[in-house]
Amino acid sequence: PSNHPDFATSYNNIGHVYHNMGDYSKALEFY
């Protein structure tokens, strides 16, 4: 289901990648 906590894990991890890449607007979106 779309509100499952595992989605938070996915979005957070994708945010970490964009953060590491310096793409802060994308990181913020996912965080």
Full PDB file with SEQRES, HELIX, SHEET, SSBOND, CRYST1, ORIGX, SCALE, CONECT and MASTER records, all heavy atoms in Angstrom:
SEQRES   1 A   31  PRO SER ASN HIS PRO ASP PHE ALA THR SER TYR ASN ASN          
SEQRES   2 A   31  ILE GLY HIS VAL TYR HIS ASN MET GLY ASP TYR SER LYS          
SEQRES   3 A   31  ALA LEU GLU PHE TYR                                          
HELIX    1 AA1 PRO A    5  MET A   21  1                                  17    
HELIX    2 AA2 TYR A   24  PHE A   30  1                                   7    
CRYST1    1.000    1.000    1.000  90.00  90.00  90.00 P 1           1          
ORIGX1      1.000000  0.000000  0.000000        0.00000                         
ORIGX2      0.000000  1.000000  0.000000        0.00000                         
ORIGX3      0.000000  0.000000  1.000000        0.00000                         
SCALE1      1.000000  0.000000  0.000000        0.00000                         
SCALE2      0.000000  1.000000  0.000000        0.00000                         
SCALE3      0.000000  0.000000  1.000000        0.00000                         
ATOM      1  N   PRO A   1       0.845  -1.207   0.000  1.00  0.00           N  
ATOM      2  CA  PRO A   1       0.000   0.000   0.000  1.00  0.00           C  
ATOM      3  C   PRO A   1       0.882   1.260   0.000  1.00  0.00           C  
ATOM      4  O   PRO A   1       2.003   1.237   0.519  1.00  0.00           O  
ATOM      5  CB  PRO A   1      -0.809  -0.108   1.291  1.00  0.00           C  
ATOM      6  CG  PRO A   1      -0.105  -1.098   2.132  1.00  0.00           C  
ATOM      7  CD  PRO A   1       0.699  -1.983   1.226  1.00  0.00           C  
ATOM      8  N   SER A   2       0.384   2.332  -0.584  1.00  0.00           N  
ATOM      9  CA  SER A   2       1.198   3.532  -0.812  1.00  0.00           C  
ATOM     10  C   SER A   2       1.698   4.204   0.463  1.00  0.00           C  
ATOM     11  O   SER A   2       2.630   4.996   0.411  1.00  0.00           O  
ATOM     12  CB  SER A   2       0.424   4.535  -1.654  1.00  0.00           C  
ATOM     13  OG  SER A   2      -0.734   4.945  -0.958  1.00  0.00           O  
ATOM     14  N   ASN A   3       1.108   3.885   1.603  1.00  0.00           N  
ATOM     15  CA  ASN A   3       1.550   4.489   2.859  1.00  0.00           C  
ATOM     16  C   ASN A   3       2.434   3.552   3.690  1.00  0.00           C  
ATOM     17  O   ASN A   3       2.700   3.826   4.851  1.00  0.00           O  
ATOM     18  CB  ASN A   3       0.337   4.938   3.679  1.00  0.00           C  
ATOM     19  CG  ASN A   3      -0.568   3.776   4.049  1.00  0.00           C  
ATOM     20  OD1 ASN A   3      -0.470   2.682   3.489  1.00  0.00           O  
ATOM     21  ND2 ASN A   3      -1.461   4.007   4.987  1.00  0.00           N  
ATOM     22  N   HIS A   4       2.879   2.469   3.094  1.00  0.00           N  
ATOM     23  CA  HIS A   4       3.711   1.503   3.821  1.00  0.00           C  
ATOM     24  C   HIS A   4       5.065   2.135   4.171  1.00  0.00           C  
ATOM     25  O   HIS A   4       5.659   2.830   3.350  1.00  0.00           O  
ATOM     26  CB  HIS A   4       3.922   0.252   2.955  1.00  0.00           C  
ATOM     27  CG  HIS A   4       4.475  -0.902   3.714  1.00  0.00           C  
ATOM     28  ND1 HIS A   4       5.810  -1.001   4.040  1.00  0.00           N  
ATOM     29  CD2 HIS A   4       3.879  -2.005   4.228  1.00  0.00           C  
ATOM     30  CE1 HIS A   4       6.010  -2.114   4.709  1.00  0.00           C  
ATOM     31  NE2 HIS A   4       4.853  -2.742   4.833  1.00  0.00           N  
ATOM     32  N   PRO A   5       5.569   1.870   5.371  1.00  0.00           N  
ATOM     33  CA  PRO A   5       6.847   2.461   5.785  1.00  0.00           C  
ATOM     34  C   PRO A   5       8.039   2.120   4.884  1.00  0.00           C  
ATOM     35  O   PRO A   5       9.005   2.880   4.840  1.00  0.00           O  
ATOM     36  CB  PRO A   5       7.078   1.899   7.195  1.00  0.00           C  
ATOM     37  CG  PRO A   5       5.762   1.419   7.654  1.00  0.00           C  
ATOM     38  CD  PRO A   5       4.935   1.113   6.446  1.00  0.00           C  
ATOM     39  N   ASP A   6       7.971   1.014   4.160  1.00  0.00           N  
ATOM     40  CA  ASP A   6       9.075   0.681   3.249  1.00  0.00           C  
ATOM     41  C   ASP A   6       9.241   1.722   2.155  1.00  0.00           C  
ATOM     42  O   ASP A   6      10.345   1.886   1.617  1.00  0.00           O  
ATOM     43  CB  ASP A   6       8.879  -0.703   2.631  1.00  0.00           C  
ATOM     44  CG  ASP A   6       9.200  -1.826   3.601  1.00  0.00           C  
ATOM     45  OD1 ASP A   6       9.601  -1.538   4.751  1.00  0.00           O  
ATOM     46  OD2 ASP A   6       9.031  -3.002   3.215  1.00  0.00           O  
ATOM     47  N   PHE A   7       8.164   2.433   1.817  1.00  0.00           N  
ATOM     48  CA  PHE A   7       8.295   3.519   0.836  1.00  0.00           C  
ATOM     49  C   PHE A   7       9.176   4.626   1.397  1.00  0.00           C  
ATOM     50  O   PHE A   7       9.964   5.230   0.664  1.00  0.00           O  
ATOM     51  CB  PHE A   7       6.925   4.082   0.433  1.00  0.00           C  
ATOM     52  CG  PHE A   7       6.230   3.254  -0.594  1.00  0.00           C  
ATOM     53  CD1 PHE A   7       5.226   2.382  -0.220  1.00  0.00           C  
ATOM     54  CD2 PHE A   7       6.578   3.322  -1.925  1.00  0.00           C  
ATOM     55  CE1 PHE A   7       4.580   1.600  -1.154  1.00  0.00           C  
ATOM     56  CE2 PHE A   7       5.944   2.546  -2.878  1.00  0.00           C  
ATOM     57  CZ  PHE A   7       4.940   1.674  -2.493  1.00  0.00           C  
ATOM     58  N   ALA A   8       9.044   4.899   2.683  1.00  0.00           N  
ATOM     59  CA  ALA A   8       9.893   5.908   3.307  1.00  0.00           C  
ATOM     60  C   ALA A   8      11.360   5.509   3.179  1.00  0.00           C  
ATOM     61  O   ALA A   8      12.218   6.346   2.894  1.00  0.00           O  
ATOM     62  CB  ALA A   8       9.498   6.109   4.761  1.00  0.00           C  
ATOM     63  N   THR A   9      11.635   4.225   3.357  1.00  0.00           N  
ATOM     64  CA  THR A   9      13.006   3.738   3.202  1.00  0.00           C  
ATOM     65  C   THR A   9      13.499   3.973   1.786  1.00  0.00           C  
ATOM     66  O   THR A   9      14.608   4.483   1.579  1.00  0.00           O  
ATOM     67  CB  THR A   9      13.083   2.235   3.556  1.00  0.00           C  
ATOM     68  OG1 THR A   9      12.659   2.066   4.909  1.00  0.00           O  
ATOM     69  CG2 THR A   9      14.477   1.683   3.367  1.00  0.00           C  
ATOM     70  N   SER A  10      12.683   3.620   0.797  1.00  0.00           N  
ATOM     71  CA  SER A  10      13.079   3.823  -0.599  1.00  0.00           C  
ATOM     72  C   SER A  10      13.331   5.295  -0.898  1.00  0.00           C  
ATOM     73  O   SER A  10      14.365   5.662  -1.461  1.00  0.00           O  
ATOM     74  CB  SER A  10      12.000   3.293  -1.552  1.00  0.00           C  
ATOM     75  OG  SER A  10      12.037   1.900  -1.621  1.00  0.00           O  
ATOM     76  N   TYR A  11      12.376   6.130  -0.529  1.00  0.00           N  
ATOM     77  CA  TYR A  11      12.519   7.562  -0.812  1.00  0.00           C  
ATOM     78  C   TYR A  11      13.726   8.149  -0.083  1.00  0.00           C  
ATOM     79  O   TYR A  11      14.464   8.969  -0.645  1.00  0.00           O  
ATOM     80  CB  TYR A  11      11.251   8.316  -0.424  1.00  0.00           C  
ATOM     81  CG  TYR A  11      10.042   7.967  -1.249  1.00  0.00           C  
ATOM     82  CD1 TYR A  11       8.791   7.891  -0.662  1.00  0.00           C  
ATOM     83  CD2 TYR A  11      10.138   7.713  -2.613  1.00  0.00           C  
ATOM     84  CE1 TYR A  11       7.661   7.574  -1.411  1.00  0.00           C  
ATOM     85  CE2 TYR A  11       9.021   7.388  -3.367  1.00  0.00           C  
ATOM     86  CZ  TYR A  11       7.786   7.323  -2.763  1.00  0.00           C  
ATOM     87  OH  TYR A  11       6.672   7.012  -3.505  1.00  0.00           O  
ATOM     88  N   ASN A  12      13.936   7.733   1.139  1.00  0.00           N  
ATOM     89  CA  ASN A  12      15.067   8.234   1.905  1.00  0.00           C  
ATOM     90  C   ASN A  12      16.392   7.833   1.254  1.00  0.00           C  
ATOM     91  O   ASN A  12      17.307   8.650   1.131  1.00  0.00           O  
ATOM     92  CB  ASN A  12      14.993   7.708   3.338  1.00  0.00           C  
ATOM     93  CG  ASN A  12      15.983   8.370   4.236  1.00  0.00           C  
ATOM     94  OD1 ASN A  12      15.988   9.591   4.368  1.00  0.00           O  
ATOM     95  ND2 ASN A  12      16.837   7.589   4.851  1.00  0.00           N  
ATOM     96  N   ASN A  13      16.479   6.582   0.824  1.00  0.00           N  
ATOM     97  CA  ASN A  13      17.720   6.123   0.205  1.00  0.00           C  
ATOM     98  C   ASN A  13      17.991   6.830  -1.122  1.00  0.00           C  
ATOM     99  O   ASN A  13      19.134   7.184  -1.412  1.00  0.00           O  
ATOM    100  CB  ASN A  13      17.688   4.608   0.018  1.00  0.00           C  
ATOM    101  CG  ASN A  13      17.800   3.875   1.332  1.00  0.00           C  
ATOM    102  OD1 ASN A  13      18.216   4.431   2.337  1.00  0.00           O  
ATOM    103  ND2 ASN A  13      17.416   2.616   1.335  1.00  0.00           N  
ATOM    104  N   ILE A  14      16.957   7.037  -1.907  1.00  0.00           N  
ATOM    105  CA  ILE A  14      17.126   7.781  -3.161  1.00  0.00           C  
ATOM    106  C   ILE A  14      17.549   9.213  -2.837  1.00  0.00           C  
ATOM    107  O   ILE A  14      18.424   9.786  -3.499  1.00  0.00           O  
ATOM    108  CB  ILE A  14      15.840   7.720  -4.006  1.00  0.00           C  
ATOM    109  CG1 ILE A  14      15.609   6.283  -4.509  1.00  0.00           C  
ATOM    110  CG2 ILE A  14      15.912   8.703  -5.176  1.00  0.00           C  
ATOM    111  CD1 ILE A  14      14.246   6.036  -5.125  1.00  0.00           C  
ATOM    112  N   GLY A  15      16.945   9.782  -1.793  1.00  0.00           N  
ATOM    113  CA  GLY A  15      17.352  11.120  -1.353  1.00  0.00           C  
ATOM    114  C   GLY A  15      18.817  11.171  -0.972  1.00  0.00           C  
ATOM    115  O   GLY A  15      19.518  12.139  -1.302  1.00  0.00           O  
ATOM    116  N   HIS A  16      19.307  10.138  -0.285  1.00  0.00           N  
ATOM    117  CA  HIS A  16      20.726  10.086   0.089  1.00  0.00           C  
ATOM    118  C   HIS A  16      21.623  10.130  -1.147  1.00  0.00           C  
ATOM    119  O   HIS A  16      22.656  10.797  -1.141  1.00  0.00           O  
ATOM    120  CB  HIS A  16      21.047   8.818   0.881  1.00  0.00           C  
ATOM    121  CG  HIS A  16      20.652   8.850   2.315  1.00  0.00           C  
ATOM    122  ND1 HIS A  16      20.749   9.956   3.119  1.00  0.00           N  
ATOM    123  CD2 HIS A  16      20.168   7.867   3.116  1.00  0.00           C  
ATOM    124  CE1 HIS A  16      20.339   9.667   4.337  1.00  0.00           C  
ATOM    125  NE2 HIS A  16      19.967   8.398   4.366  1.00  0.00           N  
ATOM    126  N   VAL A  17      21.235   9.405  -2.186  1.00  0.00           N  
ATOM    127  CA  VAL A  17      22.047   9.393  -3.406  1.00  0.00           C  
ATOM    128  C   VAL A  17      22.105  10.797  -4.011  1.00  0.00           C  
ATOM    129  O   VAL A  17      23.190  11.292  -4.334  1.00  0.00           O  
ATOM    130  CB  VAL A  17      21.511   8.373  -4.441  1.00  0.00           C  
ATOM    131  CG1 VAL A  17      22.248   8.524  -5.771  1.00  0.00           C  
ATOM    132  CG2 VAL A  17      21.655   6.961  -3.918  1.00  0.00           C  
ATOM    133  N   TYR A  18      20.939  11.434  -4.143  1.00  0.00           N  
ATOM    134  CA  TYR A  18      20.945  12.782  -4.707  1.00  0.00           C  
ATOM    135  C   TYR A  18      21.707  13.756  -3.816  1.00  0.00           C  
ATOM    136  O   TYR A  18      22.409  14.639  -4.319  1.00  0.00           O  
ATOM    137  CB  TYR A  18      19.516  13.259  -4.966  1.00  0.00           C  
ATOM    138  CG  TYR A  18      18.910  12.618  -6.191  1.00  0.00           C  
ATOM    139  CD1 TYR A  18      17.795  11.802  -6.102  1.00  0.00           C  
ATOM    140  CD2 TYR A  18      19.472  12.820  -7.452  1.00  0.00           C  
ATOM    141  CE1 TYR A  18      17.246  11.208  -7.228  1.00  0.00           C  
ATOM    142  CE2 TYR A  18      18.935  12.225  -8.586  1.00  0.00           C  
ATOM    143  CZ  TYR A  18      17.827  11.420  -8.467  1.00  0.00           C  
ATOM    144  OH  TYR A  18      17.298  10.836  -9.589  1.00  0.00           O  
ATOM    145  N   HIS A  19      21.612  13.574  -2.503  1.00  0.00           N  
ATOM    146  CA  HIS A  19      22.375  14.397  -1.569  1.00  0.00           C  
ATOM    147  C   HIS A  19      23.869  14.203  -1.824  1.00  0.00           C  
ATOM    148  O   HIS A  19      24.623  15.177  -1.944  1.00  0.00           O  
ATOM    149  CB  HIS A  19      22.011  14.006  -0.143  1.00  0.00           C  
ATOM    150  CG  HIS A  19      22.602  14.881   0.911  1.00  0.00           C  
ATOM    151  ND1 HIS A  19      22.321  14.714   2.228  1.00  0.00           N  
ATOM    152  CD2 HIS A  19      23.469  15.920   0.873  1.00  0.00           C  
ATOM    153  CE1 HIS A  19      22.969  15.610   2.950  1.00  0.00           C  
ATOM    154  NE2 HIS A  19      23.681  16.348   2.135  1.00  0.00           N  
ATOM    155  N   ASN A  20      24.306  12.948  -1.927  1.00  0.00           N  
ATOM    156  CA  ASN A  20      25.720  12.655  -2.192  1.00  0.00           C  
ATOM    157  C   ASN A  20      26.186  13.221  -3.528  1.00  0.00           C  
ATOM    158  O   ASN A  20      27.350  13.592  -3.669  1.00  0.00           O  
ATOM    159  CB  ASN A  20      25.980  11.149  -2.165  1.00  0.00           C  
ATOM    160  CG  ASN A  20      25.823  10.517  -0.797  1.00  0.00           C  
ATOM    161  OD1 ASN A  20      25.370   9.377  -0.682  1.00  0.00           O  
ATOM    162  ND2 ASN A  20      26.156  11.229   0.258  1.00  0.00           N  
ATOM    163  N   MET A  21      25.273  13.277  -4.489  1.00  0.00           N  
ATOM    164  CA  MET A  21      25.604  13.804  -5.810  1.00  0.00           C  
ATOM    165  C   MET A  21      25.564  15.334  -5.848  1.00  0.00           C  
ATOM    166  O   MET A  21      25.952  15.927  -6.851  1.00  0.00           O  
ATOM    167  CB  MET A  21      24.625  13.237  -6.851  1.00  0.00           C  
ATOM    168  CG  MET A  21      24.779  11.749  -7.076  1.00  0.00           C  
ATOM    169  SD  MET A  21      23.438  11.039  -8.070  1.00  0.00           S  
ATOM    170  CE  MET A  21      23.625  11.893  -9.615  1.00  0.00           C  
ATOM    171  N   GLY A  22      25.061  15.954  -4.780  1.00  0.00           N  
ATOM    172  CA  GLY A  22      24.967  17.411  -4.744  1.00  0.00           C  
ATOM    173  C   GLY A  22      23.725  17.966  -5.403  1.00  0.00           C  
ATOM    174  O   GLY A  22      23.617  19.175  -5.595  1.00  0.00           O  
ATOM    175  N   ASP A  23      22.787  17.103  -5.758  1.00  0.00           N  
ATOM    176  CA  ASP A  23      21.520  17.551  -6.345  1.00  0.00           C  
ATOM    177  C   ASP A  23      20.522  17.742  -5.202  1.00  0.00           C  
ATOM    178  O   ASP A  23      19.697  16.875  -4.910  1.00  0.00           O  
ATOM    179  CB  ASP A  23      21.004  16.530  -7.361  1.00  0.00           C  
ATOM    180  CG  ASP A  23      19.809  17.028  -8.163  1.00  0.00           C  
ATOM    181  OD1 ASP A  23      19.131  17.975  -7.713  1.00  0.00           O  
ATOM    182  OD2 ASP A  23      19.544  16.452  -9.237  1.00  0.00           O  
ATOM    183  N   TYR A  24      20.627  18.897  -4.556  1.00  0.00           N  
ATOM    184  CA  TYR A  24      19.890  19.125  -3.315  1.00  0.00           C  
ATOM    185  C   TYR A  24      18.386  19.244  -3.519  1.00  0.00           C  
ATOM    186  O   TYR A  24      17.614  18.815  -2.659  1.00  0.00           O  
ATOM    187  CB  TYR A  24      20.449  20.343  -2.589  1.00  0.00           C  
ATOM    188  CG  TYR A  24      21.911  20.194  -2.257  1.00  0.00           C  
ATOM    189  CD1 TYR A  24      22.821  21.191  -2.569  1.00  0.00           C  
ATOM    190  CD2 TYR A  24      22.389  19.040  -1.640  1.00  0.00           C  
ATOM    191  CE1 TYR A  24      24.171  21.049  -2.262  1.00  0.00           C  
ATOM    192  CE2 TYR A  24      23.734  18.884  -1.343  1.00  0.00           C  
ATOM    193  CZ  TYR A  24      24.623  19.898  -1.652  1.00  0.00           C  
ATOM    194  OH  TYR A  24      25.941  19.748  -1.356  1.00  0.00           O  
ATOM    195  N   SER A  25      17.955  19.791  -4.642  1.00  0.00           N  
ATOM    196  CA  SER A  25      16.507  19.908  -4.856  1.00  0.00           C  
ATOM    197  C   SER A  25      15.877  18.526  -5.017  1.00  0.00           C  
ATOM    198  O   SER A  25      14.796  18.262  -4.482  1.00  0.00           O  
ATOM    199  CB  SER A  25      16.184  20.809  -6.047  1.00  0.00           C  
ATOM    200  OG  SER A  25      16.729  20.279  -7.231  1.00  0.00           O  
ATOM    201  N   LYS A  26      16.548  17.609  -5.714  1.00  0.00           N  
ATOM    202  CA  LYS A  26      16.035  16.241  -5.844  1.00  0.00           C  
ATOM    203  C   LYS A  26      16.102  15.515  -4.506  1.00  0.00           C  
ATOM    204  O   LYS A  26      15.187  14.787  -4.130  1.00  0.00           O  
ATOM    205  CB  LYS A  26      16.836  15.446  -6.877  1.00  0.00           C  
ATOM    206  CG  LYS A  26      16.446  15.708  -8.311  1.00  0.00           C  
ATOM    207  CD  LYS A  26      15.071  15.212  -8.585  1.00  0.00           C  
ATOM    208  CE  LYS A  26      15.059  14.158  -9.633  1.00  0.00           C  
ATOM    209  NZ  LYS A  26      13.693  13.863 -10.090  1.00  0.00           N  
ATOM    210  N   ALA A  27      17.182  15.718  -3.779  1.00  0.00           N  
ATOM    211  CA  ALA A  27      17.307  15.089  -2.456  1.00  0.00           C  
ATOM    212  C   ALA A  27      16.173  15.558  -1.554  1.00  0.00           C  
ATOM    213  O   ALA A  27      15.530  14.744  -0.879  1.00  0.00           O  
ATOM    214  CB  ALA A  27      18.655  15.435  -1.835  1.00  0.00           C  
ATOM    215  N   LEU A  28      15.901  16.855  -1.573  1.00  0.00           N  
ATOM    216  CA  LEU A  28      14.833  17.401  -0.740  1.00  0.00           C  
ATOM    217  C   LEU A  28      13.488  16.804  -1.112  1.00  0.00           C  
ATOM    218  O   LEU A  28      12.696  16.433  -0.235  1.00  0.00           O  
ATOM    219  CB  LEU A  28      14.795  18.926  -0.875  1.00  0.00           C  
ATOM    220  CG  LEU A  28      13.812  19.664  -0.001  1.00  0.00           C  
ATOM    221  CD1 LEU A  28      14.100  19.421   1.469  1.00  0.00           C  
ATOM    222  CD2 LEU A  28      13.855  21.159  -0.316  1.00  0.00           C  
ATOM    223  N   GLU A  29      13.234  16.669  -2.394  1.00  0.00           N  
ATOM    224  CA  GLU A  29      11.984  16.079  -2.869  1.00  0.00           C  
ATOM    225  C   GLU A  29      11.776  14.679  -2.273  1.00  0.00           C  
ATOM    226  O   GLU A  29      10.703  14.360  -1.749  1.00  0.00           O  
ATOM    227  CB  GLU A  29      12.011  16.000  -4.399  1.00  0.00           C  
ATOM    228  CG  GLU A  29      10.861  15.281  -5.038  1.00  0.00           C  
ATOM    229  CD  GLU A  29      11.072  15.057  -6.535  1.00  0.00           C  
ATOM    230  OE1 GLU A  29      11.856  15.799  -7.171  1.00  0.00           O  
ATOM    231  OE2 GLU A  29      10.446  14.119  -7.064  1.00  0.00           O  
ATOM    232  N   PHE A  30      12.807  13.862  -2.320  1.00  0.00           N  
ATOM    233  CA  PHE A  30      12.682  12.493  -1.829  1.00  0.00           C  
ATOM    234  C   PHE A  30      12.685  12.423  -0.304  1.00  0.00           C  
ATOM    235  O   PHE A  30      11.956  11.630   0.280  1.00  0.00           O  
ATOM    236  CB  PHE A  30      13.759  11.595  -2.441  1.00  0.00           C  
ATOM    237  CG  PHE A  30      13.439  11.215  -3.856  1.00  0.00           C  
ATOM    238  CD1 PHE A  30      13.966  11.931  -4.921  1.00  0.00           C  
ATOM    239  CD2 PHE A  30      12.569  10.171  -4.126  1.00  0.00           C  
ATOM    240  CE1 PHE A  30      13.648  11.599  -6.233  1.00  0.00           C  
ATOM    241  CE2 PHE A  30      12.245   9.830  -5.436  1.00  0.00           C  
ATOM    242  CZ  PHE A  30      12.788  10.547  -6.487  1.00  0.00           C  
ATOM    243  N   TYR A  31      13.490  13.251   0.342  1.00  0.00           N  
ATOM    244  CA  TYR A  31      13.474  13.287   1.808  1.00  0.00           C  
ATOM    245  C   TYR A  31      12.106  13.714   2.328  1.00  0.00           C  
ATOM    246  O   TYR A  31      11.621  13.177   3.329  1.00  0.00           O  
ATOM    247  CB  TYR A  31      14.529  14.248   2.343  1.00  0.00           C  
ATOM    248  CG  TYR A  31      15.952  13.741   2.338  1.00  0.00           C  
ATOM    249  CD1 TYR A  31      17.011  14.646   2.389  1.00  0.00           C  
ATOM    250  CD2 TYR A  31      16.268  12.384   2.313  1.00  0.00           C  
ATOM    251  CE1 TYR A  31      18.323  14.214   2.413  1.00  0.00           C  
ATOM    252  CE2 TYR A  31      17.576  11.949   2.326  1.00  0.00           C  
ATOM    253  CZ  TYR A  31      18.608  12.871   2.378  1.00  0.00           C  
ATOM    254  OH  TYR A  31      19.909  12.437   2.403  1.00  0.00           O  
TER     255      TYR A  31                                                      
MASTER        0    0    0    2    0    0    0    6  254    1    0    3          
END                                                                             
